[in-house]
N, C-alpha and C. Protein backbone atom coordinates (compact mmCIF):
# COMPACT_ATOMS: atom_id res chain seq x y z
N MET A 1 0.92 -1.23 0.13
CA MET A 1 0.13 0.10 0.09
C MET A 1 1.06 1.26 -0.19
N MET A 2 0.47 2.15 -0.82
CA MET A 2 1.40 3.02 -1.00
C MET A 2 0.58 4.34 -0.22
N THR A 3 1.31 5.35 0.33
CA THR A 3 0.84 6.82 0.84
C THR A 3 0.69 7.78 0.18
N ALA A 4 0.16 8.91 0.65
CA ALA A 4 0.03 9.90 -0.24
C ALA A 4 1.71 10.49 -0.71
N SER A 5 2.43 10.31 0.01
CA SER A 5 4.01 10.92 -0.10
C SER A 5 4.66 10.03 -0.75
N THR A 6 4.24 8.61 -1.17
CA THR A 6 5.16 7.52 -1.82
C THR A 6 4.72 7.82 -3.07
N VAL A 7 6.10 7.94 -4.08
CA VAL A 7 5.91 8.10 -5.40
C VAL A 7 6.62 7.11 -5.94
N VAL A 8 6.32 6.32 -7.20
CA VAL A 8 7.12 5.30 -7.78
C VAL A 8 7.60 6.20 -9.00
N GLY A 9 8.56 6.18 -8.94
CA GLY A 9 9.43 7.03 -10.23
C GLY A 9 9.45 6.24 -11.51
N HIS A 10 9.91 6.61 -12.71
CA HIS A 10 9.85 6.09 -13.95
C HIS A 10 10.77 4.95 -14.02
N SER A 11 11.96 4.71 -13.32
CA SER A 11 12.87 3.75 -12.94
C SER A 11 12.36 2.53 -12.21
N GLY A 12 11.09 2.87 -11.84
CA GLY A 12 10.52 1.54 -11.04
C GLY A 12 11.20 1.74 -9.41
N HIS A 13 12.01 2.56 -9.17
CA HIS A 13 12.32 2.76 -7.49
C HIS A 13 11.42 3.55 -6.82
N ILE A 14 11.41 3.08 -5.48
CA ILE A 14 10.53 4.04 -4.51
C ILE A 14 11.22 5.18 -4.29
N ASP A 15 10.57 6.32 -4.44
CA ASP A 15 11.11 7.58 -3.74
C ASP A 15 10.22 7.89 -2.40
N ILE A 16 10.92 8.13 -1.42
CA ILE A 16 10.17 8.52 -0.14
C ILE A 16 10.29 9.85 0.16
N HIS A 17 9.43 10.74 0.45
CA HIS A 17 9.61 12.08 0.64
C HIS A 17 10.71 12.94 -0.22
N GLY A 18 10.72 12.64 -1.28
CA GLY A 18 11.55 13.29 -2.09
C GLY A 18 13.31 12.77 -2.00
N GLY A 19 13.52 11.86 -1.08
CA GLY A 19 14.61 11.26 -1.15
C GLY A 19 14.82 9.72 -1.19
N THR A 20 16.16 9.20 -1.74
CA THR A 20 15.66 7.87 -1.76
C THR A 20 16.06 6.97 -0.64
N MET A 21 15.33 5.79 -0.22
CA MET A 21 15.87 4.99 0.68
C MET A 21 17.22 4.69 0.69
N VAL A 22 17.59 4.44 -0.39
CA VAL A 22 19.19 4.23 -0.58
C VAL A 22 20.14 5.26 0.17
N ARG A 23 20.07 6.71 0.02
CA ARG A 23 20.78 7.39 0.27
C ARG A 23 20.54 7.61 1.95
N LYS A 24 19.34 7.37 2.51
CA LYS A 24 19.20 7.59 3.85
C LYS A 24 19.75 6.18 4.68
N VAL A 25 19.89 5.18 3.89
CA VAL A 25 20.53 3.93 4.38
C VAL A 25 21.93 4.23 4.72
N LEU A 26 22.35 4.62 3.30
CA LEU A 26 23.93 4.99 3.28
C LEU A 26 24.52 6.23 4.34
N PHE A 27 23.55 7.09 4.54
CA PHE A 27 23.91 8.21 5.77
C PHE A 27 23.94 7.26 7.09
N VAL A 28 23.08 6.69 7.40
CA VAL A 28 22.95 5.82 8.54
C VAL A 28 24.34 5.08 8.99
N ALA A 29 24.44 4.58 7.78
CA ALA A 29 25.59 3.55 7.67
C ALA A 29 27.23 4.28 8.03
N PHE A 30 27.10 5.41 7.61
CA PHE A 30 28.21 6.33 7.23
C PHE A 30 28.33 6.71 8.81
N VAL A 31 27.50 7.35 9.60
CA VAL A 31 27.37 8.07 11.14
C VAL A 31 27.64 6.63 11.98
N LEU A 32 26.97 5.33 11.87
CA LEU A 32 27.37 4.37 12.51
C LEU A 32 29.06 4.03 12.44
N SER A 33 29.68 4.02 10.93
CA SER A 33 30.89 3.82 11.09
C SER A 33 32.07 4.74 11.55
N LEU A 34 31.56 6.23 11.46
CA LEU A 34 32.09 7.19 12.43
C LEU A 34 32.18 6.92 13.93
N ILE A 35 31.10 6.53 14.45
CA ILE A 35 31.02 6.02 15.86
C ILE A 35 31.91 4.96 16.24
N VAL A 36 31.73 3.94 15.42
CA VAL A 36 32.58 2.43 15.86
C VAL A 36 33.76 3.11 15.38
N SER A 37 34.16 4.05 14.67
CA SER A 37 35.90 4.22 14.50
C SER A 37 36.43 5.14 15.68
N ALA A 38 35.58 6.02 16.08
CA ALA A 38 35.95 7.01 17.13
C ALA A 38 36.07 6.01 18.67
N ALA A 39 35.17 5.21 18.75
CA ALA A 39 35.46 4.33 19.84
C ALA A 39 36.67 3.45 19.89
N ALA A 40 36.98 3.01 18.65
CA ALA A 40 38.29 2.17 18.67
C ALA A 40 39.53 2.89 18.78
N GLN A 41 39.48 4.36 18.44
CA GLN A 41 40.56 5.23 18.69
C GLN A 41 40.77 5.75 20.00
N SER A 42 39.88 5.41 20.77
CA SER A 42 40.03 6.00 22.21
C SER A 42 40.96 5.04 23.13
N ALA A 43 41.08 3.71 22.55
CA ALA A 43 41.88 2.95 23.60
C ALA A 43 43.05 2.43 22.45
N PRO A 44 44.50 2.36 23.03
CA PRO A 44 45.54 1.98 22.14
C PRO A 44 45.46 0.79 21.65
N SER A 45 46.17 0.29 20.63
CA SER A 45 46.61 -1.01 20.03
C SER A 45 47.33 -1.73 20.80
N ALA A 46 48.16 -1.02 21.64
CA ALA A 46 49.07 -1.79 22.57
C ALA A 46 49.25 -0.86 23.81
N PRO A 47 50.05 -1.28 24.74
CA PRO A 47 50.10 -0.49 26.12
C PRO A 47 51.04 0.75 25.68
N THR A 48 50.75 1.88 26.14
CA THR A 48 51.18 2.92 25.78
C THR A 48 51.21 3.96 27.29
N VAL A 49 52.39 4.62 27.16
CA VAL A 49 52.51 5.56 28.47
C VAL A 49 52.03 6.88 28.07
N VAL A 50 50.88 7.04 28.85
CA VAL A 50 50.09 8.27 28.75
C VAL A 50 50.91 9.58 28.92
N GLN A 51 50.67 10.51 27.92
CA GLN A 51 51.31 11.74 27.77
C GLN A 51 51.20 12.88 28.89
N SER A 52 52.23 13.52 29.25
CA SER A 52 52.15 14.28 30.48
C SER A 52 50.86 15.25 30.18
N ALA A 53 50.44 15.73 29.15
CA ALA A 53 49.24 16.71 29.14
C ALA A 53 48.06 15.93 29.67
N ASP A 54 48.00 14.73 29.48
CA ASP A 54 46.76 13.73 29.89
C ASP A 54 46.68 13.27 31.19
N LEU A 55 47.84 13.26 31.88
CA LEU A 55 48.18 12.80 33.17
C LEU A 55 47.14 13.28 34.06
N LYS A 56 46.81 14.62 34.10
CA LYS A 56 45.96 15.12 35.15
C LYS A 56 44.39 14.49 35.15
N LYS A 57 44.02 13.76 33.92
CA LYS A 57 42.98 13.18 33.78
C LYS A 57 42.67 12.02 34.57
N VAL A 58 44.20 11.23 35.11
CA VAL A 58 43.75 10.08 35.69
C VAL A 58 44.71 10.10 36.75
N VAL A 59 45.63 10.91 37.41
CA VAL A 59 46.27 10.98 38.30
C VAL A 59 45.53 11.73 39.41
N PRO A 60 45.42 11.08 40.67
CA PRO A 60 44.47 11.93 41.81
C PRO A 60 45.34 12.90 42.26
N ASP A 61 44.72 14.09 42.84
CA ASP A 61 45.22 15.05 43.52
C ASP A 61 45.95 14.76 44.87
N SER A 62 45.31 13.90 45.61
CA SER A 62 45.82 13.52 46.81
C SER A 62 45.48 11.91 46.62
N TYR A 63 46.45 11.27 47.71
CA TYR A 63 46.46 9.66 47.87
C TYR A 63 46.52 9.27 49.64
N PHE A 64 45.32 8.69 49.98
CA PHE A 64 45.05 8.20 51.21
C PHE A 64 46.06 7.15 51.51
N PHE A 65 46.77 7.13 52.51
CA PHE A 65 47.70 5.76 52.99
C PHE A 65 47.91 6.27 54.40
N ARG A 66 47.78 5.06 55.31
CA ARG A 66 48.21 5.08 56.77
C ARG A 66 47.58 6.37 57.43
N GLY A 67 46.47 6.54 57.16
CA GLY A 67 45.73 7.20 57.98
C GLY A 67 45.87 8.89 57.80
N LEU A 68 46.81 9.25 56.58
CA LEU A 68 46.89 10.51 56.33
C LEU A 68 46.51 10.49 54.47
N SER A 69 46.03 11.81 54.03
CA SER A 69 45.85 12.09 52.57
C SER A 69 47.18 12.95 52.52
N ALA A 70 47.85 12.25 51.37
CA ALA A 70 49.38 13.14 50.88
C ALA A 70 49.02 13.77 49.59
N THR A 71 49.50 15.05 49.41
CA THR A 71 49.35 15.33 48.02
C THR A 71 50.15 14.86 46.83
N THR A 72 49.54 14.37 45.83
CA THR A 72 50.44 13.79 44.78
C THR A 72 51.19 14.70 43.87
N GLN A 73 52.32 14.32 43.37
CA GLN A 73 53.22 15.26 42.41
C GLN A 73 53.09 14.50 40.99
N LEU A 74 52.32 15.48 40.54
CA LEU A 74 52.04 15.33 39.13
C LEU A 74 53.25 15.19 38.31
N ARG A 75 53.98 16.07 38.44
CA ARG A 75 55.38 16.12 37.65
C ARG A 75 56.30 14.91 37.74
N ASN A 76 55.97 14.07 38.89
CA ASN A 76 56.49 12.92 39.07
C ASN A 76 55.62 11.53 39.19
N SER A 77 54.58 11.52 38.25
CA SER A 77 53.97 10.64 38.15
C SER A 77 53.70 10.02 36.86
N SER A 78 53.27 8.94 36.43
CA SER A 78 53.35 8.28 35.17
C SER A 78 52.30 7.32 35.05
N ALA A 79 51.71 7.01 33.94
CA ALA A 79 50.48 5.95 33.47
C ALA A 79 50.68 5.10 32.59
N ILE A 80 50.10 4.09 32.40
CA ILE A 80 50.00 2.99 31.27
C ILE A 80 48.64 2.96 30.94
N HIS A 81 48.20 3.13 29.56
CA HIS A 81 46.79 2.94 28.94
C HIS A 81 46.99 1.77 28.20
N TYR A 82 45.88 0.76 28.64
CA TYR A 82 46.12 -0.62 27.93
C TYR A 82 45.18 -0.68 26.87
N PRO A 83 45.20 -1.53 25.85
CA PRO A 83 44.22 -1.56 24.67
C PRO A 83 42.58 -1.93 25.29
N ASP A 84 42.57 -2.49 26.35
CA ASP A 84 41.34 -2.75 27.06
C ASP A 84 40.66 -1.76 27.73
N ASP A 85 41.15 -0.34 27.70
CA ASP A 85 41.04 0.93 28.27
C ASP A 85 41.31 0.75 29.96
N PHE A 86 42.24 -0.29 30.34
CA PHE A 86 42.34 -0.15 31.72
C PHE A 86 43.98 0.80 31.97
N TYR A 87 44.00 1.11 33.02
CA TYR A 87 45.17 1.78 33.38
C TYR A 87 46.07 1.29 34.57
N VAL A 88 47.23 1.53 34.62
CA VAL A 88 48.27 1.48 35.96
C VAL A 88 48.76 2.80 35.94
N ILE A 89 48.39 3.50 37.13
CA ILE A 89 48.91 5.00 37.52
C ILE A 89 49.87 4.86 38.68
N VAL A 90 50.89 5.43 38.52
CA VAL A 90 52.14 5.50 39.64
C VAL A 90 52.52 7.01 39.85
N GLY A 91 52.69 7.31 41.11
CA GLY A 91 53.45 8.59 41.31
C GLY A 91 53.76 8.75 42.64
N LEU A 92 54.69 9.83 42.75
CA LEU A 92 55.33 10.17 44.22
C LEU A 92 54.35 11.12 44.73
N VAL A 93 54.55 10.90 46.15
CA VAL A 93 53.57 11.84 46.96
C VAL A 93 54.38 12.70 47.80
N ASP A 94 53.78 13.90 48.45
CA ASP A 94 54.55 14.39 49.43
C ASP A 94 54.64 13.64 50.96
N THR A 95 55.52 13.04 51.48
CA THR A 95 55.59 12.12 52.96
C THR A 95 56.00 12.90 53.79
N SER A 96 55.76 14.40 53.96
CA SER A 96 56.42 15.22 55.15
C SER A 96 55.58 14.88 56.44
N GLY A 97 54.36 14.65 56.41
CA GLY A 97 53.44 14.34 57.56
C GLY A 97 53.69 12.78 58.22
N TYR A 98 54.19 12.00 57.45
CA TYR A 98 54.43 10.74 58.08
C TYR A 98 55.82 10.61 58.94
N SER A 99 55.62 9.30 59.35
CA SER A 99 56.43 9.04 60.67
C SER A 99 57.99 8.63 59.84
N SER A 100 58.91 8.56 60.36
CA SER A 100 60.22 7.89 59.59
C SER A 100 59.99 6.33 59.42
N ASP A 101 59.25 5.71 59.97
CA ASP A 101 59.18 4.13 59.92
C ASP A 101 58.36 3.89 58.45
N VAL A 102 57.26 4.83 58.62
CA VAL A 102 56.46 4.78 57.15
C VAL A 102 57.26 5.11 56.01
N LYS A 103 58.17 6.49 56.03
CA LYS A 103 58.83 6.97 55.11
C LYS A 103 59.76 5.91 54.68
N ALA A 104 60.42 5.31 55.43
CA ALA A 104 61.15 4.00 55.25
C ALA A 104 60.93 3.01 53.86
N LYS A 105 59.76 2.90 53.79
CA LYS A 105 59.26 2.12 52.63
C LYS A 105 58.27 2.86 51.75
N TYR A 106 57.97 3.74 52.22
CA TYR A 106 56.42 4.53 51.56
C TYR A 106 57.01 5.84 50.64
N ASN A 107 57.03 5.72 49.13
CA ASN A 107 57.12 7.29 48.99
C ASN A 107 55.90 7.67 47.60
N GLY A 108 55.17 6.75 47.39
CA GLY A 108 54.41 7.10 46.16
C GLY A 108 53.12 6.08 46.39
N PHE A 109 52.11 6.01 45.28
CA PHE A 109 51.02 5.58 44.93
C PHE A 109 51.13 4.51 43.93
N PHE A 110 50.60 3.30 43.74
CA PHE A 110 50.45 2.45 42.68
C PHE A 110 48.96 2.11 42.64
N ILE A 111 48.32 2.56 41.51
CA ILE A 111 46.99 2.08 41.24
C ILE A 111 46.96 1.47 40.24
N THR A 112 46.44 0.05 40.05
CA THR A 112 46.50 -0.72 38.84
C THR A 112 44.85 -1.39 38.70
N GLU A 113 44.25 -1.30 37.22
CA GLU A 113 43.13 -1.79 37.07
C GLU A 113 43.43 -3.30 36.44
N LYS A 114 44.55 -3.70 36.29
CA LYS A 114 44.81 -4.84 35.95
C LYS A 114 45.66 -5.85 36.92
N LYS A 115 45.71 -7.06 36.63
CA LYS A 115 46.54 -7.94 37.58
C LYS A 115 47.78 -8.01 36.87
N LEU A 116 48.92 -7.57 37.68
CA LEU A 116 50.26 -7.68 37.18
C LEU A 116 51.12 -8.53 37.81
N SER A 117 52.12 -9.01 36.74
CA SER A 117 53.16 -10.00 37.21
C SER A 117 54.38 -9.10 37.28
N PHE A 118 55.13 -9.41 38.34
CA PHE A 118 56.45 -8.72 38.65
C PHE A 118 57.70 -9.54 38.39
N ASP A 119 58.90 -8.84 37.83
CA ASP A 119 60.03 -9.54 37.73
C ASP A 119 60.45 -10.18 38.86
N GLY A 120 60.56 -11.37 39.10
CA GLY A 120 60.86 -12.28 40.63
C GLY A 120 59.78 -13.21 40.76
N GLY A 121 58.53 -13.14 40.39
CA GLY A 121 57.35 -14.17 40.33
C GLY A 121 56.25 -13.61 41.41
N GLY A 122 56.21 -12.37 41.87
CA GLY A 122 55.34 -11.61 42.62
C GLY A 122 54.05 -11.21 41.47
N THR A 123 52.93 -11.35 41.86
CA THR A 123 51.49 -10.76 41.36
C THR A 123 50.94 -10.07 42.01
N LEU A 124 50.23 -8.79 41.45
CA LEU A 124 49.35 -8.08 42.33
C LEU A 124 47.89 -7.94 41.69
N ALA A 125 47.05 -8.11 42.41
CA ALA A 125 45.68 -8.02 42.01
C ALA A 125 45.35 -6.61 41.70
N PRO A 126 44.23 -6.23 40.98
CA PRO A 126 43.81 -4.90 40.62
C PRO A 126 43.25 -4.15 41.99
N GLY A 127 43.74 -2.93 42.23
CA GLY A 127 43.74 -2.36 43.55
C GLY A 127 44.76 -0.84 43.61
N GLU A 128 44.42 -0.24 44.81
CA GLU A 128 45.23 1.03 44.94
C GLU A 128 46.11 0.66 46.18
N TYR A 129 47.18 1.00 45.90
CA TYR A 129 48.55 0.55 46.95
C TYR A 129 49.35 1.68 47.15
N GLY A 130 50.13 1.66 48.23
CA GLY A 130 51.35 2.34 48.48
C GLY A 130 52.45 1.76 47.77
N MET A 131 53.58 2.60 47.47
CA MET A 131 54.99 1.81 46.72
C MET A 131 55.99 2.64 47.60
N GLY A 132 57.11 1.96 47.06
CA GLY A 132 58.48 2.53 47.90
C GLY A 132 59.50 1.69 47.65
N TYR A 133 60.77 2.07 47.74
CA TYR A 133 62.07 1.24 47.77
C TYR A 133 62.87 1.45 48.95
N THR A 134 63.59 0.54 49.23
CA THR A 134 64.55 0.62 50.43
C THR A 134 65.92 1.01 49.94
N PRO A 135 67.03 1.00 50.63
CA PRO A 135 68.38 1.25 50.30
C PRO A 135 68.96 -0.04 50.23
N GLU A 136 68.31 -1.29 50.49
CA GLU A 136 68.50 -2.82 50.63
C GLU A 136 68.39 -3.11 49.16
N GLY A 137 67.87 -2.40 47.92
CA GLY A 137 67.52 -2.86 46.69
C GLY A 137 66.42 -3.77 46.68
N LYS A 138 65.20 -3.42 47.40
CA LYS A 138 63.97 -3.91 47.22
C LYS A 138 62.64 -3.01 46.83
N PHE A 139 62.08 -3.23 46.20
CA PHE A 139 60.71 -2.32 45.97
C PHE A 139 59.64 -3.18 46.36
N HIS A 140 58.97 -1.99 47.16
CA HIS A 140 57.74 -2.75 47.96
C HIS A 140 56.41 -1.96 47.47
N ILE A 141 55.20 -3.26 47.70
CA ILE A 141 53.96 -2.68 47.31
C ILE A 141 53.20 -3.01 48.82
N LEU A 142 52.31 -1.87 49.29
CA LEU A 142 51.85 -1.98 50.47
C LEU A 142 50.48 -1.69 50.49
N ASP A 143 49.75 -2.24 51.15
CA ASP A 143 48.16 -2.13 51.32
C ASP A 143 48.11 -0.86 51.95
N VAL A 144 46.54 -0.03 51.94
CA VAL A 144 46.66 1.32 52.51
C VAL A 144 47.10 1.19 54.04
N ALA A 145 47.01 0.26 54.82
CA ALA A 145 47.40 0.27 55.92
C ALA A 145 48.89 -0.08 56.29
N GLY A 146 49.49 0.08 55.27
CA GLY A 146 51.14 -0.13 55.44
C GLY A 146 51.57 -1.78 55.12
N ASN A 147 50.65 -2.53 55.21
CA ASN A 147 51.17 -3.96 55.38
C ASN A 147 51.85 -4.54 53.97
N GLU A 148 52.70 -5.13 53.83
CA GLU A 148 53.65 -5.23 52.69
C GLU A 148 52.70 -6.51 51.79
N LEU A 149 52.50 -6.15 50.71
CA LEU A 149 51.93 -7.30 49.83
C LEU A 149 52.90 -7.84 49.08
N LEU A 150 53.83 -7.27 48.30
CA LEU A 150 54.98 -7.67 47.50
C LEU A 150 56.05 -7.21 47.55
N VAL A 151 57.09 -7.84 47.38
CA VAL A 151 58.84 -7.19 47.35
C VAL A 151 59.10 -7.61 46.21
N SER A 152 59.99 -6.64 45.37
CA SER A 152 60.54 -7.51 44.00
C SER A 152 61.95 -6.64 44.17
N GLU A 153 62.94 -7.35 43.49
CA GLU A 153 64.22 -6.93 43.61
C GLU A 153 64.45 -5.75 42.77
N ILE A 154 65.14 -4.67 42.90
CA ILE A 154 65.27 -3.58 41.99
C ILE A 154 66.65 -3.93 41.45
N LYS A 155 66.63 -3.62 40.08
CA LYS A 155 67.89 -3.27 39.10
C LYS A 155 68.08 -2.00 38.89
N VAL A 156 69.41 -1.75 38.46
CA VAL A 156 69.94 -0.38 38.41
C VAL A 156 70.38 -0.32 36.87
N ASP A 157 69.94 0.70 36.43
CA ASP A 157 70.32 1.26 34.99
C ASP A 157 71.55 2.33 34.95
N ASP A 158 72.71 1.94 35.12
CA ASP A 158 73.84 2.86 35.19
C ASP A 158 74.05 3.62 33.93
N LYS A 159 73.46 3.17 32.90
CA LYS A 159 73.67 3.71 31.46
C LYS A 159 72.65 4.66 31.28
N LEU A 160 71.51 4.85 32.10
CA LEU A 160 70.60 5.81 32.12
C LEU A 160 71.11 7.15 32.17
N ALA A 161 71.05 7.97 30.99
CA ALA A 161 71.65 9.39 30.75
C ALA A 161 70.97 10.45 31.80
N ARG A 162 69.64 10.44 31.75
CA ARG A 162 69.07 11.73 32.42
C ARG A 162 67.93 10.84 33.24
N PRO A 163 68.31 10.46 34.66
CA PRO A 163 67.39 9.88 35.37
C PRO A 163 66.28 11.01 35.85
N GLN A 164 65.17 10.70 36.16
CA GLN A 164 64.03 11.20 36.53
C GLN A 164 63.49 10.64 37.87
N PRO A 165 62.88 11.29 38.89
CA PRO A 165 62.56 10.87 39.94
C PRO A 165 61.64 9.46 39.66
N LEU A 166 60.72 9.81 38.76
CA LEU A 166 59.54 8.68 38.39
C LEU A 166 59.31 8.52 36.91
N LYS A 167 59.53 7.41 36.15
CA LYS A 167 59.09 7.48 34.59
C LYS A 167 58.73 6.07 34.62
N ILE A 168 57.96 5.76 33.42
CA ILE A 168 57.68 4.43 32.98
C ILE A 168 58.14 4.45 31.65
N VAL A 169 58.71 3.44 31.14
CA VAL A 169 59.23 3.17 29.69
C VAL A 169 58.76 1.84 29.20
N MET A 170 57.82 1.57 28.17
CA MET A 170 57.43 0.38 27.78
C MET A 170 58.38 -0.25 26.99
N ASP A 171 58.62 -1.73 27.15
CA ASP A 171 59.42 -2.20 26.13
C ASP A 171 58.48 -3.54 25.47
N GLY A 172 57.55 -3.26 24.65
CA GLY A 172 56.55 -4.28 24.29
C GLY A 172 55.79 -4.27 25.19
N ALA A 173 55.28 -5.34 25.83
CA ALA A 173 54.06 -5.70 27.02
C ALA A 173 54.95 -5.37 28.21
N THR A 174 56.06 -4.98 28.32
CA THR A 174 56.90 -5.35 29.59
C THR A 174 56.77 -3.71 29.99
N ALA A 175 56.62 -3.37 31.24
CA ALA A 175 56.74 -2.00 31.83
C ALA A 175 57.99 -2.03 32.70
N LYS A 176 58.76 -0.78 32.27
CA LYS A 176 59.89 -0.53 33.46
C LYS A 176 59.39 0.75 34.27
N LEU A 177 59.45 0.54 35.74
CA LEU A 177 59.06 1.54 36.48
C LEU A 177 60.53 2.31 36.86
N TYR A 178 60.59 3.16 36.28
CA TYR A 178 61.97 3.90 37.02
C TYR A 178 61.65 4.57 38.22
N LEU A 179 62.65 4.80 39.19
CA LEU A 179 62.62 5.71 40.31
C LEU A 179 64.07 5.93 40.31
N GLY A 180 64.61 6.98 39.49
CA GLY A 180 65.76 7.64 39.21
C GLY A 180 66.53 6.36 38.35
N LYS A 181 67.48 6.12 38.74
CA LYS A 181 68.36 4.88 38.05
C LYS A 181 67.70 3.33 38.31
N LYS A 182 66.99 3.32 39.28
CA LYS A 182 66.53 2.18 39.73
C LYS A 182 65.17 1.78 39.14
N TYR A 183 64.88 0.61 38.86
CA TYR A 183 63.73 0.14 38.34
C TYR A 183 63.08 -1.23 38.63
N VAL A 184 61.79 -1.63 38.19
CA VAL A 184 61.47 -2.79 38.55
C VAL A 184 60.50 -2.74 37.17
N THR A 185 60.31 -4.39 36.89
CA THR A 185 59.60 -4.51 35.76
C THR A 185 58.47 -5.33 35.96
N PHE A 186 57.36 -5.31 35.12
CA PHE A 186 56.00 -5.91 35.27
C PHE A 186 55.23 -5.80 33.89
N THR A 187 54.19 -6.80 33.90
CA THR A 187 53.54 -7.01 32.77
C THR A 187 52.19 -7.33 33.17
N ALA A 188 50.91 -7.00 32.28
CA ALA A 188 49.76 -7.18 32.51
C ALA A 188 49.22 -8.64 32.16
N GLN A 189 48.68 -9.24 32.94
CA GLN A 189 48.12 -10.55 32.85
C GLN A 189 46.68 -10.30 32.04
């Protein structure tokens, strides 16, 4: 049944409201392809280090650990963005209000949305943690109460020309978390 606004043209094609049905279907397909393309571009195809300008979107302003909220240091923070749109976010904090025994192992935060495997066999579940290293060459992950959850050996990169207080370098799927010339490696599972 044809309505008053439907016209059958000389070529036998149905013309609805002055435009062809094919044109409307193509327009909808084009819009959908743009949406899918934009969604695919938001997450990287491989783990990538988040650029400095974008860190403020994921790094918290302060971090709670052992009864205090410490100001985070955005300039000494880094993050990894994974293809599944999850993050690992690390950074140093101002530890001036903490006791010396807490400062001995804690100098930053470590947030992961992925399960991680550290070099040396330790694994870390998704969560929010404290982190730090000791002069004995150990890297520590602590729960927010200060209990030790993971200890990993620190390696030293004496060839690193310009060490920074904190940075992450990706080597394929393996991340190197540098604290100066000291670093630990981990991979997402």
